[in-house]
Amino acid sequence: MDEPSEPRPQQTRHTRRVRVTSSRRGAARPAGGAALSRDLAEQTGLGEIYLQGLLRAQLRLSLTVLGVGVLALGGLPVLFLAVPATRELGVLGIPFPWLVLGGLVYPVAALAARWYARAAERLERDFAEIVGRG
């Protein structure tokens, strides 16, 4: 009843192995990037929305730096009037208010200007990246 059957040859599938990587360095850019650049150049509605977003971000940054500067410089005379000890305080024979207004304000303003320039460049770089990606 049970006759030994011939062994069947195994069917082998020769599949090729593929290495999958996650690096996107060599990936092709999506076709939408040119469309967004074109929208900006042709001043379409979408391009205007992106441009208004950039302008709003730049305005917000400018007003923040301006507001902090006005508060800091406007607050110093108030501090000198409110705390009389600061008017009589001196360092190396130089009155403290003179040191602050004549010496400390300029390095702080230079640092604020440097921070503002870097932040503005970062906004523009992010905008250019968005336009490039589409």
C-alpha atoms as a PDB file:
ATOM      1  CA  MET A   1       0.000   0.000   0.000  1.00  0.00           C
ATOM      2  CA  ASP A   2       2.612   2.391   0.959  1.00  0.00           C
ATOM      3  CA  GLU A   3       5.156   2.285  -1.682  1.00  0.00           C
ATOM      4  CA  PRO A   4       8.224   4.296  -1.098  1.00  0.00           C
ATOM      5  CA  SER A   5       7.998   7.313  -3.270  1.00  0.00           C
ATOM      6  CA  GLU A   6      10.910   8.876  -4.912  1.00  0.00           C
ATOM      7  CA  PRO A   7      12.235  11.853  -3.111  1.00  0.00           C
ATOM      8  CA  ARG A   8      11.233  14.988  -4.882  1.00  0.00           C
ATOM      9  CA  PRO A   9      13.969  17.398  -5.704  1.00  0.00           C
ATOM     10  CA  GLN A  10      13.723  20.511  -3.597  1.00  0.00           C
ATOM     11  CA  GLN A  11      12.799  23.551  -5.470  1.00  0.00           C
ATOM     12  CA  THR A  12      15.236  26.250  -4.624  1.00  0.00           C
ATOM     13  CA  ARG A  13      14.463  29.859  -5.205  1.00  0.00           C
ATOM     14  CA  HIS A  14      17.414  31.981  -5.917  1.00  0.00           C
ATOM     15  CA  THR A  15      16.520  35.381  -4.634  1.00  0.00           C
ATOM     16  CA  ARG A  16      18.833  38.272  -4.643  1.00  0.00           C
ATOM     17  CA  ARG A  17      19.484  40.041  -1.385  1.00  0.00           C
ATOM     18  CA  VAL A  18      18.986  43.765  -1.240  1.00  0.00           C
ATOM     19  CA  ARG A  19      20.509  46.039   1.334  1.00  0.00           C
ATOM     20  CA  VAL A  20      18.096  48.657   2.661  1.00  0.00           C
ATOM     21  CA  THR A  21      19.496  51.822   4.147  1.00  0.00           C
ATOM     22  CA  SER A  22      17.808  54.846   5.625  1.00  0.00           C
ATOM     23  CA  SER A  23      20.166  57.528   4.412  1.00  0.00           C
ATOM     24  CA  ARG A  24      18.428  60.139   2.306  1.00  0.00           C
ATOM     25  CA  ARG A  25      21.618  61.801   1.098  1.00  0.00           C
ATOM     26  CA  GLY A  26      21.381  60.450  -2.401  1.00  0.00           C
ATOM     27  CA  ALA A  27      17.601  60.592  -2.635  1.00  0.00           C
ATOM     28  CA  ALA A  28      16.061  62.506  -5.457  1.00  0.00           C
ATOM     29  CA  ARG A  29      14.361  65.755  -4.559  1.00  0.00           C
ATOM     30  CA  PRO A  30      10.599  65.821  -4.841  1.00  0.00           C
ATOM     31  CA  ALA A  31       9.212  67.639  -7.841  1.00  0.00           C
ATOM     32  CA  GLY A  32       7.224  70.041  -5.631  1.00  0.00           C
ATOM     33  CA  GLY A  33      10.248  72.221  -4.788  1.00  0.00           C
ATOM     34  CA  ALA A  34      10.254  73.844  -8.180  1.00  0.00           C
ATOM     35  CA  ALA A  35       6.528  74.493  -7.890  1.00  0.00           C
ATOM     36  CA  LEU A  36       6.922  76.419  -4.632  1.00  0.00           C
ATOM     37  CA  SER A  37       9.797  78.440  -6.046  1.00  0.00           C
ATOM     38  CA  ARG A  38       7.640  79.191  -9.048  1.00  0.00           C
ATOM     39  CA  ASP A  39       4.762  80.206  -6.736  1.00  0.00           C
ATOM     40  CA  LEU A  40       7.070  82.676  -5.016  1.00  0.00           C
ATOM     41  CA  ALA A  41       8.450  84.071  -8.270  1.00  0.00           C
ATOM     42  CA  GLU A  42       5.008  84.413  -9.844  1.00  0.00           C
ATOM     43  CA  GLN A  43       3.538  85.839  -6.605  1.00  0.00           C
ATOM     44  CA  THR A  44       0.685  83.359  -6.423  1.00  0.00           C
ATOM     45  CA  GLY A  45      -1.511  82.957  -3.355  1.00  0.00           C
ATOM     46  CA  LEU A  46       0.544  80.118  -1.904  1.00  0.00           C
ATOM     47  CA  GLY A  47       3.784  82.001  -2.482  1.00  0.00           C
ATOM     48  CA  GLU A  48       2.310  85.048  -0.737  1.00  0.00           C
ATOM     49  CA  ILE A  49       1.346  82.937   2.281  1.00  0.00           C
ATOM     50  CA  TYR A  50       4.880  81.587   2.630  1.00  0.00           C
ATOM     51  CA  LEU A  51       6.378  85.042   2.161  1.00  0.00           C
ATOM     52  CA  GLN A  52       4.003  86.590   4.712  1.00  0.00           C
ATOM     53  CA  GLY A  53       5.024  83.896   7.191  1.00  0.00           C
ATOM     54  CA  LEU A  54       8.687  84.803   6.730  1.00  0.00           C
ATOM     55  CA  LEU A  55       7.957  88.520   7.076  1.00  0.00           C
ATOM     56  CA  ARG A  56       5.884  87.938  10.240  1.00  0.00           C
ATOM     57  CA  ALA A  57       8.680  85.900  11.798  1.00  0.00           C
ATOM     58  CA  GLN A  58      11.235  88.601  10.948  1.00  0.00           C
ATOM     59  CA  LEU A  59       8.961  91.330  12.339  1.00  0.00           C
ATOM     60  CA  ARG A  60       8.412  89.359  15.540  1.00  0.00           C
ATOM     61  CA  LEU A  61      12.169  88.951  15.955  1.00  0.00           C
ATOM     62  CA  SER A  62      12.816  92.644  15.317  1.00  0.00           C
ATOM     63  CA  LEU A  63      10.130  93.786  17.747  1.00  0.00           C
ATOM     64  CA  THR A  64      11.425  91.411  20.408  1.00  0.00           C
ATOM     65  CA  VAL A  65      14.963  92.763  20.166  1.00  0.00           C
ATOM     66  CA  LEU A  66      13.700  96.347  20.058  1.00  0.00           C
ATOM     67  CA  GLY A  67      11.398  95.807  23.043  1.00  0.00           C
ATOM     68  CA  VAL A  68      14.110  94.231  25.170  1.00  0.00           C
ATOM     69  CA  GLY A  69      16.490  97.055  24.277  1.00  0.00           C
ATOM     70  CA  VAL A  70      13.982  99.779  25.114  1.00  0.00           C
ATOM     71  CA  LEU A  71      13.067  98.122  28.409  1.00  0.00           C
ATOM     72  CA  ALA A  72      16.700  97.648  29.376  1.00  0.00           C
ATOM     73  CA  LEU A  73      17.847 101.156  28.451  1.00  0.00           C
ATOM     74  CA  GLY A  74      14.668 102.776  29.767  1.00  0.00           C
ATOM     75  CA  GLY A  75      14.855 100.757  32.962  1.00  0.00           C
ATOM     76  CA  LEU A  76      18.362 101.905  33.886  1.00  0.00           C
ATOM     77  CA  PRO A  77      17.407 105.523  34.706  1.00  0.00           C
ATOM     78  CA  VAL A  78      14.403 104.246  36.622  1.00  0.00           C
ATOM     79  CA  LEU A  79      16.707 101.927  38.570  1.00  0.00           C
ATOM     80  CA  PHE A  80      19.102 104.783  39.327  1.00  0.00           C
ATOM     81  CA  LEU A  81      16.231 106.961  40.559  1.00  0.00           C
ATOM     82  CA  ALA A  82      14.471 104.215  42.520  1.00  0.00           C
ATOM     83  CA  VAL A  83      17.606 102.949  44.284  1.00  0.00           C
ATOM     84  CA  PRO A  84      19.633 105.957  45.442  1.00  0.00           C
ATOM     85  CA  ALA A  85      22.524 103.713  46.526  1.00  0.00           C
ATOM     86  CA  THR A  86      23.317 103.024  42.867  1.00  0.00           C
ATOM     87  CA  ARG A  87      23.936 106.748  42.317  1.00  0.00           C
ATOM     88  CA  GLU A  88      26.495 106.953  45.074  1.00  0.00           C
ATOM     89  CA  LEU A  89      28.203 103.682  44.292  1.00  0.00           C
ATOM     90  CA  GLY A  90      31.526 104.039  42.531  1.00  0.00           C
ATOM     91  CA  VAL A  91      34.150 101.746  41.072  1.00  0.00           C
ATOM     92  CA  LEU A  92      37.720 103.066  40.921  1.00  0.00           C
ATOM     93  CA  GLY A  93      36.428 106.585  41.474  1.00  0.00           C
ATOM     94  CA  ILE A  94      33.979 106.396  38.561  1.00  0.00           C
ATOM     95  CA  PRO A  95      30.262 106.646  39.400  1.00  0.00           C
ATOM     96  CA  PHE A  96      28.375 103.392  38.821  1.00  0.00           C
ATOM     97  CA  PRO A  97      25.743 104.911  36.478  1.00  0.00           C
ATOM     98  CA  TRP A  98      28.519 106.186  34.227  1.00  0.00           C
ATOM     99  CA  LEU A  99      30.137 102.772  34.123  1.00  0.00           C
ATOM    100  CA  VAL A 100      26.878 101.091  33.229  1.00  0.00           C
ATOM    101  CA  LEU A 101      25.746 103.655  30.641  1.00  0.00           C
ATOM    102  CA  GLY A 102      29.197 104.307  29.201  1.00  0.00           C
ATOM    103  CA  GLY A 103      30.746 100.863  29.350  1.00  0.00           C
ATOM    104  CA  LEU A 104      28.278  98.040  29.835  1.00  0.00           C
ATOM    105  CA  VAL A 105      25.612  99.126  27.374  1.00  0.00           C
ATOM    106  CA  TYR A 106      27.817  98.847  24.277  1.00  0.00           C
ATOM    107  CA  PRO A 107      28.993  95.242  24.724  1.00  0.00           C
ATOM    108  CA  VAL A 108      25.430  94.185  25.548  1.00  0.00           C
ATOM    109  CA  ALA A 109      24.150  95.982  22.441  1.00  0.00           C
ATOM    110  CA  ALA A 110      26.838  94.283  20.335  1.00  0.00           C
ATOM    111  CA  LEU A 111      25.842  90.866  21.700  1.00  0.00           C
ATOM    112  CA  ALA A 112      22.173  91.619  21.034  1.00  0.00           C
ATOM    113  CA  ALA A 113      23.009  92.663  17.463  1.00  0.00           C
ATOM    114  CA  ARG A 114      25.009  89.474  16.917  1.00  0.00           C
ATOM    115  CA  TRP A 115      22.168  87.337  18.303  1.00  0.00           C
ATOM    116  CA  TYR A 116      19.661  89.185  16.093  1.00  0.00           C
ATOM    117  CA  ALA A 117      21.763  88.670  12.955  1.00  0.00           C
ATOM    118  CA  ARG A 118      22.145  84.948  13.624  1.00  0.00           C
ATOM    119  CA  ALA A 119      18.443  84.529  14.356  1.00  0.00           C
ATOM    120  CA  ALA A 120      17.501  86.414  11.163  1.00  0.00           C
ATOM    121  CA  GLU A 121      19.881  84.255   9.117  1.00  0.00           C
ATOM    122  CA  ARG A 122      18.391  81.129  10.680  1.00  0.00           C
ATOM    123  CA  LEU A 123      14.882  82.291   9.700  1.00  0.00           C
ATOM    124  CA  GLU A 124      16.001  82.885   6.128  1.00  0.00           C
ATOM    125  CA  ARG A 125      17.852  79.550   5.994  1.00  0.00           C
ATOM    126  CA  ASP A 126      14.745  77.719   7.238  1.00  0.00           C
ATOM    127  CA  PHE A 127      12.633  79.523   4.662  1.00  0.00           C
ATOM    128  CA  ALA A 128      15.050  78.614   1.870  1.00  0.00           C
ATOM    129  CA  GLU A 129      14.984  74.984   3.031  1.00  0.00           C
ATOM    130  CA  ILE A 130      11.199  74.943   2.952  1.00  0.00           C
ATOM    131  CA  VAL A 131      11.175  76.459  -0.530  1.00  0.00           C
ATOM    132  CA  GLY A 132      13.790  73.944  -1.645  1.00  0.00           C
ATOM    133  CA  ARG A 133      11.799  71.004  -0.305  1.00  0.00           C
ATOM    134  CA  GLY A 134       8.489  72.181  -1.662  1.00  0.00           C
END
